[in-house]
Amino acid sequence: MDINHEYAAHQSALMQASSAVSADHRQHQLAKASRIAGRIGAFQHELGAAAACAWNAAHLAAAVPSAR
């Protein structure tokens, strides 16, 4: 896994979500960011990295619908 590519893809998805013109597009981008966060967390967990917990929390937090 190219972890820098995954970090960049995650950031890009979040930026696209923040500038989305529709709720559907925003939700699609947030779901994409969540999937990427899950992959990053799993990869870091396999390496024993402490940061894996933060990525897993980001992935799980995205699964909870926002109150917006």
PDB file of N, CA and C in Angstrom:
ATOM      1  N   MET A   1       0.848  -1.180   0.000  1.00  0.00           N
ATOM      2  CA  MET A   1       0.000   0.000   0.000  1.00  0.00           C
ATOM      3  C   MET A   1       0.888   1.237   0.000  1.00  0.00           C
ATOM      4  N   ASP A   2       0.535   2.186  -0.845  1.00  0.00           N
ATOM      5  CA  ASP A   2       1.219   3.482  -0.845  1.00  0.00           C
ATOM      6  C   ASP A   2       0.459   4.371   0.135  1.00  0.00           C
ATOM      7  N   ILE A   3       0.961   4.457   1.360  1.00  0.00           N
ATOM      8  CA  ILE A   3       0.237   5.159   2.417  1.00  0.00           C
ATOM      9  C   ILE A   3       0.083   6.645   2.110  1.00  0.00           C
ATOM     10  N   ASN A   4       1.075   7.253   1.457  1.00  0.00           N
ATOM     11  CA  ASN A   4       0.947   8.675   1.106  1.00  0.00           C
ATOM     12  C   ASN A   4      -0.165   8.885   0.093  1.00  0.00           C
ATOM     13  N   HIS A   5      -0.318   7.950  -0.821  1.00  0.00           N
ATOM     14  CA  HIS A   5      -1.416   8.041  -1.793  1.00  0.00           C
ATOM     15  C   HIS A   5      -2.757   7.946  -1.070  1.00  0.00           C
ATOM     16  N   GLU A   6      -2.860   7.058  -0.112  1.00  0.00           N
ATOM     17  CA  GLU A   6      -4.099   6.910   0.647  1.00  0.00           C
ATOM     18  C   GLU A   6      -4.401   8.159   1.479  1.00  0.00           C
ATOM     19  N   TYR A   7      -3.364   8.734   2.112  1.00  0.00           N
ATOM     20  CA  TYR A   7      -3.573   9.972   2.865  1.00  0.00           C
ATOM     21  C   TYR A   7      -4.100  11.069   1.943  1.00  0.00           C
ATOM     22  N   ALA A   8      -3.492  11.205   0.762  1.00  0.00           N
ATOM     23  CA  ALA A   8      -3.908  12.233  -0.193  1.00  0.00           C
ATOM     24  C   ALA A   8      -5.330  11.985  -0.684  1.00  0.00           C
ATOM     25  N   ALA A   9      -5.670  10.727  -0.946  1.00  0.00           N
ATOM     26  CA  ALA A   9      -7.023  10.394  -1.399  1.00  0.00           C
ATOM     27  C   ALA A   9      -8.048  10.705  -0.313  1.00  0.00           C
ATOM     28  N   HIS A  10      -7.696  10.434   0.929  1.00  0.00           N
ATOM     29  CA  HIS A  10      -8.593  10.725   2.053  1.00  0.00           C
ATOM     30  C   HIS A  10      -8.824  12.228   2.163  1.00  0.00           C
ATOM     31  N   GLN A  11      -7.748  12.991   2.108  1.00  0.00           N
ATOM     32  CA  GLN A  11      -7.866  14.443   2.201  1.00  0.00           C
ATOM     33  C   GLN A  11      -8.685  14.989   1.032  1.00  0.00           C
ATOM     34  N   SER A  12      -8.450  14.474  -0.158  1.00  0.00           N
ATOM     35  CA  SER A  12      -9.190  14.922  -1.333  1.00  0.00           C
ATOM     36  C   SER A  12     -10.685  14.644  -1.182  1.00  0.00           C
ATOM     37  N   ALA A  13     -11.032  13.466  -0.696  1.00  0.00           N
ATOM     38  CA  ALA A  13     -12.444  13.126  -0.505  1.00  0.00           C
ATOM     39  C   ALA A  13     -13.095  14.060   0.508  1.00  0.00           C
ATOM     40  N   LEU A  14     -12.386  14.384   1.583  1.00  0.00           N
ATOM     41  CA  LEU A  14     -12.935  15.304   2.578  1.00  0.00           C
ATOM     42  C   LEU A  14     -13.109  16.703   2.007  1.00  0.00           C
ATOM     43  N   MET A  15     -12.155  17.154   1.214  1.00  0.00           N
ATOM     44  CA  MET A  15     -12.257  18.484   0.605  1.00  0.00           C
ATOM     45  C   MET A  15     -13.418  18.526  -0.389  1.00  0.00           C
ATOM     46  N   GLN A  16     -13.586  17.452  -1.165  1.00  0.00           N
ATOM     47  CA  GLN A  16     -14.701  17.401  -2.110  1.00  0.00           C
ATOM     48  C   GLN A  16     -16.038  17.370  -1.369  1.00  0.00           C
ATOM     49  N   ALA A  17     -16.073  16.692  -0.244  1.00  0.00           N
ATOM     50  CA  ALA A  17     -17.300  16.655   0.559  1.00  0.00           C
ATOM     51  C   ALA A  17     -17.636  18.046   1.089  1.00  0.00           C
ATOM     52  N   SER A  18     -16.619  18.778   1.516  1.00  0.00           N
ATOM     53  CA  SER A  18     -16.878  20.096   2.093  1.00  0.00           C
ATOM     54  C   SER A  18     -17.333  21.114   1.056  1.00  0.00           C
ATOM     55  N   SER A  19     -17.010  20.863  -0.206  1.00  0.00           N
ATOM     56  CA  SER A  19     -17.426  21.803  -1.253  1.00  0.00           C
ATOM     57  C   SER A  19     -18.537  21.237  -2.131  1.00  0.00           C
ATOM     58  N   ALA A  20     -19.154  20.156  -1.696  1.00  0.00           N
ATOM     59  CA  ALA A  20     -20.209  19.508  -2.481  1.00  0.00           C
ATOM     60  C   ALA A  20     -21.419  20.430  -2.606  1.00  0.00           C
ATOM     61  N   VAL A  21     -22.035  20.392  -3.775  1.00  0.00           N
ATOM     62  CA  VAL A  21     -23.210  21.230  -4.016  1.00  0.00           C
ATOM     63  C   VAL A  21     -24.513  20.499  -3.692  1.00  0.00           C
ATOM     64  N   SER A  22     -24.437  19.207  -3.481  1.00  0.00           N
ATOM     65  CA  SER A  22     -25.647  18.459  -3.123  1.00  0.00           C
ATOM     66  C   SER A  22     -25.348  17.545  -1.939  1.00  0.00           C
ATOM     67  N   ALA A  23     -26.397  17.223  -1.218  1.00  0.00           N
ATOM     68  CA  ALA A  23     -26.255  16.328  -0.064  1.00  0.00           C
ATOM     69  C   ALA A  23     -25.809  14.937  -0.504  1.00  0.00           C
ATOM     70  N   ASP A  24     -26.299  14.492  -1.662  1.00  0.00           N
ATOM     71  CA  ASP A  24     -25.908  13.165  -2.162  1.00  0.00           C
ATOM     72  C   ASP A  24     -24.426  13.096  -2.472  1.00  0.00           C
ATOM     73  N   HIS A  25     -23.910  14.133  -3.116  1.00  0.00           N
ATOM     74  CA  HIS A  25     -22.480  14.152  -3.456  1.00  0.00           C
ATOM     75  C   HIS A  25     -21.645  14.236  -2.184  1.00  0.00           C
ATOM     76  N   ARG A  26     -22.095  15.045  -1.233  1.00  0.00           N
ATOM     77  CA  ARG A  26     -21.382  15.158   0.048  1.00  0.00           C
ATOM     78  C   ARG A  26     -21.336  13.804   0.734  1.00  0.00           C
ATOM     79  N   GLN A  27     -22.467  13.121   0.790  1.00  0.00           N
ATOM     80  CA  GLN A  27     -22.524  11.820   1.457  1.00  0.00           C
ATOM     81  C   GLN A  27     -21.644  10.794   0.747  1.00  0.00           C
ATOM     82  N   HIS A  28     -21.643  10.838  -0.588  1.00  0.00           N
ATOM     83  CA  HIS A  28     -20.798   9.921  -1.369  1.00  0.00           C
ATOM     84  C   HIS A  28     -19.321  10.142  -1.036  1.00  0.00           C
ATOM     85  N   GLN A  29     -18.899  11.388  -0.964  1.00  0.00           N
ATOM     86  CA  GLN A  29     -17.498  11.693  -0.680  1.00  0.00           C
ATOM     87  C   GLN A  29     -17.132  11.332   0.756  1.00  0.00           C
ATOM     88  N   LEU A  30     -18.049  11.554   1.689  1.00  0.00           N
ATOM     89  CA  LEU A  30     -17.778  11.169   3.077  1.00  0.00           C
ATOM     90  C   LEU A  30     -17.678   9.655   3.217  1.00  0.00           C
ATOM     91  N   ALA A  31     -18.510   8.930   2.489  1.00  0.00           N
ATOM     92  CA  ALA A  31     -18.437   7.464   2.505  1.00  0.00           C
ATOM     93  C   ALA A  31     -17.109   7.000   1.912  1.00  0.00           C
ATOM     94  N   LYS A  32     -16.680   7.663   0.855  1.00  0.00           N
ATOM     95  CA  LYS A  32     -15.383   7.342   0.238  1.00  0.00           C
ATOM     96  C   LYS A  32     -14.251   7.593   1.230  1.00  0.00           C
ATOM     97  N   ALA A  33     -14.290   8.735   1.918  1.00  0.00           N
ATOM     98  CA  ALA A  33     -13.267   9.057   2.919  1.00  0.00           C
ATOM     99  C   ALA A  33     -13.274   8.023   4.041  1.00  0.00           C
ATOM    100  N   SER A  34     -14.457   7.572   4.431  1.00  0.00           N
ATOM    101  CA  SER A  34     -14.568   6.568   5.484  1.00  0.00           C
ATOM    102  C   SER A  34     -13.928   5.250   5.060  1.00  0.00           C
ATOM    103  N   ARG A  35     -14.191   4.833   3.827  1.00  0.00           N
ATOM    104  CA  ARG A  35     -13.574   3.583   3.334  1.00  0.00           C
ATOM    105  C   ARG A  35     -12.053   3.696   3.315  1.00  0.00           C
ATOM    106  N   ILE A  36     -11.550   4.845   2.894  1.00  0.00           N
ATOM    107  CA  ILE A  36     -10.102   5.058   2.848  1.00  0.00           C
ATOM    108  C   ILE A  36      -9.537   5.039   4.256  1.00  0.00           C
ATOM    109  N   ALA A  37     -10.216   5.709   5.197  1.00  0.00           N
ATOM    110  CA  ALA A  37      -9.764   5.712   6.592  1.00  0.00           C
ATOM    111  C   ALA A  37      -9.711   4.294   7.145  1.00  0.00           C
ATOM    112  N   GLY A  38     -10.681   3.482   6.768  1.00  0.00           N
ATOM    113  CA  GLY A  38     -10.678   2.086   7.202  1.00  0.00           C
ATOM    114  C   GLY A  38      -9.470   1.331   6.684  1.00  0.00           C
ATOM    115  N   ARG A  39      -9.130   1.564   5.407  1.00  0.00           N
ATOM    116  CA  ARG A  39      -7.943   0.902   4.832  1.00  0.00           C
ATOM    117  C   ARG A  39      -6.666   1.377   5.513  1.00  0.00           C
ATOM    118  N   ILE A  40      -6.580   2.679   5.766  1.00  0.00           N
ATOM    119  CA  ILE A  40      -5.388   3.230   6.437  1.00  0.00           C
ATOM    120  C   ILE A  40      -5.262   2.640   7.834  1.00  0.00           C
ATOM    121  N   GLY A  41      -6.379   2.616   8.564  1.00  0.00           N
ATOM    122  CA  GLY A  41      -6.359   2.060   9.916  1.00  0.00           C
ATOM    123  C   GLY A  41      -5.953   0.598   9.941  1.00  0.00           C
ATOM    124  N   ALA A  42      -6.489  -0.185   9.011  1.00  0.00           N
ATOM    125  CA  ALA A  42      -6.150  -1.612   8.951  1.00  0.00           C
ATOM    126  C   ALA A  42      -4.677  -1.810   8.634  1.00  0.00           C
ATOM    127  N   PHE A  43      -4.173  -1.022   7.690  1.00  0.00           N
ATOM    128  CA  PHE A  43      -2.760  -1.119   7.314  1.00  0.00           C
ATOM    129  C   PHE A  43      -1.863  -0.765   8.499  1.00  0.00           C
ATOM    130  N   GLN A  44      -2.187   0.336   9.176  1.00  0.00           N
ATOM    131  CA  GLN A  44      -1.377   0.751  10.319  1.00  0.00           C
ATOM    132  C   GLN A  44      -1.491  -0.256  11.458  1.00  0.00           C
ATOM    133  N   HIS A  45      -2.673  -0.816  11.643  1.00  0.00           N
ATOM    134  CA  HIS A  45      -2.856  -1.815  12.693  1.00  0.00           C
ATOM    135  C   HIS A  45      -1.962  -3.027  12.438  1.00  0.00           C
ATOM    136  N   GLU A  46      -1.881  -3.447  11.183  1.00  0.00           N
ATOM    137  CA  GLU A  46      -1.011  -4.574  10.832  1.00  0.00           C
ATOM    138  C   GLU A  46       0.446  -4.279  11.163  1.00  0.00           C
ATOM    139  N   LEU A  47       0.823  -3.005  11.058  1.00  0.00           N
ATOM    140  CA  LEU A  47       2.200  -2.602  11.359  1.00  0.00           C
ATOM    141  C   LEU A  47       2.417  -2.361  12.851  1.00  0.00           C
ATOM    142  N   GLY A  48       1.329  -2.340  13.620  1.00  0.00           N
ATOM    143  CA  GLY A  48       1.442  -2.060  15.048  1.00  0.00           C
ATOM    144  C   GLY A  48       1.574  -0.577  15.357  1.00  0.00           C
ATOM    145  N   ALA A  49       1.159   0.266  14.411  1.00  0.00           N
ATOM    146  CA  ALA A  49       1.290   1.718  14.590  1.00  0.00           C
ATOM    147  C   ALA A  49       0.220   2.237  15.548  1.00  0.00           C
ATOM    148  N   ALA A  50       0.623   3.119  16.448  1.00  0.00           N
ATOM    149  CA  ALA A  50      -0.317   3.698  17.407  1.00  0.00           C
ATOM    150  C   ALA A  50      -1.372   4.549  16.715  1.00  0.00           C
ATOM    151  N   ALA A  51      -1.044   5.135  15.576  1.00  0.00           N
ATOM    152  CA  ALA A  51      -1.982   6.003  14.864  1.00  0.00           C
ATOM    153  C   ALA A  51      -3.176   5.231  14.313  1.00  0.00           C
ATOM    154  N   ALA A  52      -3.096   3.919  14.272  1.00  0.00           N
ATOM    155  CA  ALA A  52      -4.192   3.117  13.735  1.00  0.00           C
ATOM    156  C   ALA A  52      -5.489   3.385  14.483  1.00  0.00           C
ATOM    157  N   CYS A  53      -5.411   3.618  15.777  1.00  0.00           N
ATOM    158  CA  CYS A  53      -6.616   3.876  16.570  1.00  0.00           C
ATOM    159  C   CYS A  53      -7.343   5.122  16.078  1.00  0.00           C
ATOM    160  N   ALA A  54      -6.592   6.164  15.747  1.00  0.00           N
ATOM    161  CA  ALA A  54      -7.209   7.401  15.275  1.00  0.00           C
ATOM    162  C   ALA A  54      -7.908   7.194  13.938  1.00  0.00           C
ATOM    163  N   TRP A  55      -7.298   6.445  13.029  1.00  0.00           N
ATOM    164  CA  TRP A  55      -7.914   6.200  11.731  1.00  0.00           C
ATOM    165  C   TRP A  55      -9.152   5.327  11.879  1.00  0.00           C
ATOM    166  N   ASN A  56      -9.109   4.362  12.775  1.00  0.00           N
ATOM    167  CA  ASN A  56     -10.284   3.532  13.005  1.00  0.00           C
ATOM    168  C   ASN A  56     -11.411   4.355  13.603  1.00  0.00           C
ATOM    169  N   ALA A  57     -11.082   5.292  14.487  1.00  0.00           N
ATOM    170  CA  ALA A  57     -12.094   6.174  15.064  1.00  0.00           C
ATOM    171  C   ALA A  57     -12.699   7.064  13.982  1.00  0.00           C
ATOM    172  N   ALA A  58     -11.872   7.550  13.053  1.00  0.00           N
ATOM    173  CA  ALA A  58     -12.374   8.382  11.949  1.00  0.00           C
ATOM    174  C   ALA A  58     -13.309   7.578  11.063  1.00  0.00           C
ATOM    175  N   HIS A  59     -12.955   6.338  10.828  1.00  0.00           N
ATOM    176  CA  HIS A  59     -13.785   5.459   9.999  1.00  0.00           C
ATOM    177  C   HIS A  59     -15.124   5.190  10.678  1.00  0.00           C
ATOM    178  N   LEU A  60     -15.102   4.918  11.968  1.00  0.00           N
ATOM    179  CA  LEU A  60     -16.333   4.623  12.695  1.00  0.00           C
ATOM    180  C   LEU A  60     -17.197   5.871  12.860  1.00  0.00           C
ATOM    181  N   ALA A  61     -16.572   7.023  13.091  1.00  0.00           N
ATOM    182  CA  ALA A  61     -17.328   8.263  13.249  1.00  0.00           C
ATOM    183  C   ALA A  61     -18.072   8.616  11.973  1.00  0.00           C
ATOM    184  N   ALA A  62     -17.493   8.299  10.840  1.00  0.00           N
ATOM    185  CA  ALA A  62     -18.133   8.600   9.561  1.00  0.00           C
ATOM    186  C   ALA A  62     -19.352   7.711   9.343  1.00  0.00           C
ATOM    187  N   ALA A  63     -19.410   6.599  10.003  1.00  0.00           N
ATOM    188  CA  ALA A  63     -20.547   5.690   9.845  1.00  0.00           C
ATOM    189  C   ALA A  63     -21.790   6.183  10.567  1.00  0.00           C
ATOM    190  N   VAL A  64     -21.601   7.114  11.503  1.00  0.00           N
ATOM    191  CA  VAL A  64     -22.734   7.676  12.253  1.00  0.00           C
ATOM    192  C   VAL A  64     -23.300   8.836  11.466  1.00  0.00           C
ATOM    193  N   PRO A  65     -24.587   8.814  11.108  1.00  0.00           N
ATOM    194  CA  PRO A  65     -25.171   9.908  10.343  1.00  0.00           C
ATOM    195  C   PRO A  65     -25.099  11.215  11.115  1.00  0.00           C
ATOM    196  N   SER A  66     -24.789  12.286  10.402  1.00  0.00           N
ATOM    197  CA  SER A  66     -24.704  13.592  11.048  1.00  0.00           C
ATOM    198  C   SER A  66     -26.105  14.150  11.256  1.00  0.00           C
ATOM    199  N   ALA A  67     -26.207  15.082  12.166  1.00  0.00           N
ATOM    200  CA  ALA A  67     -27.497  15.676  12.492  1.00  0.00           C
ATOM    201  C   ALA A  67     -27.791  16.901  11.621  1.00  0.00           C
ATOM    202  N   ARG A  68     -27.020  17.096  10.570  1.00  0.00           N
ATOM    203  CA  ARG A  68     -27.208  18.268   9.714  1.00  0.00           C
ATOM    204  C   ARG A  68     -28.397  18.125   8.834  1.00  0.00           C
TER     205      ARG A  68
END
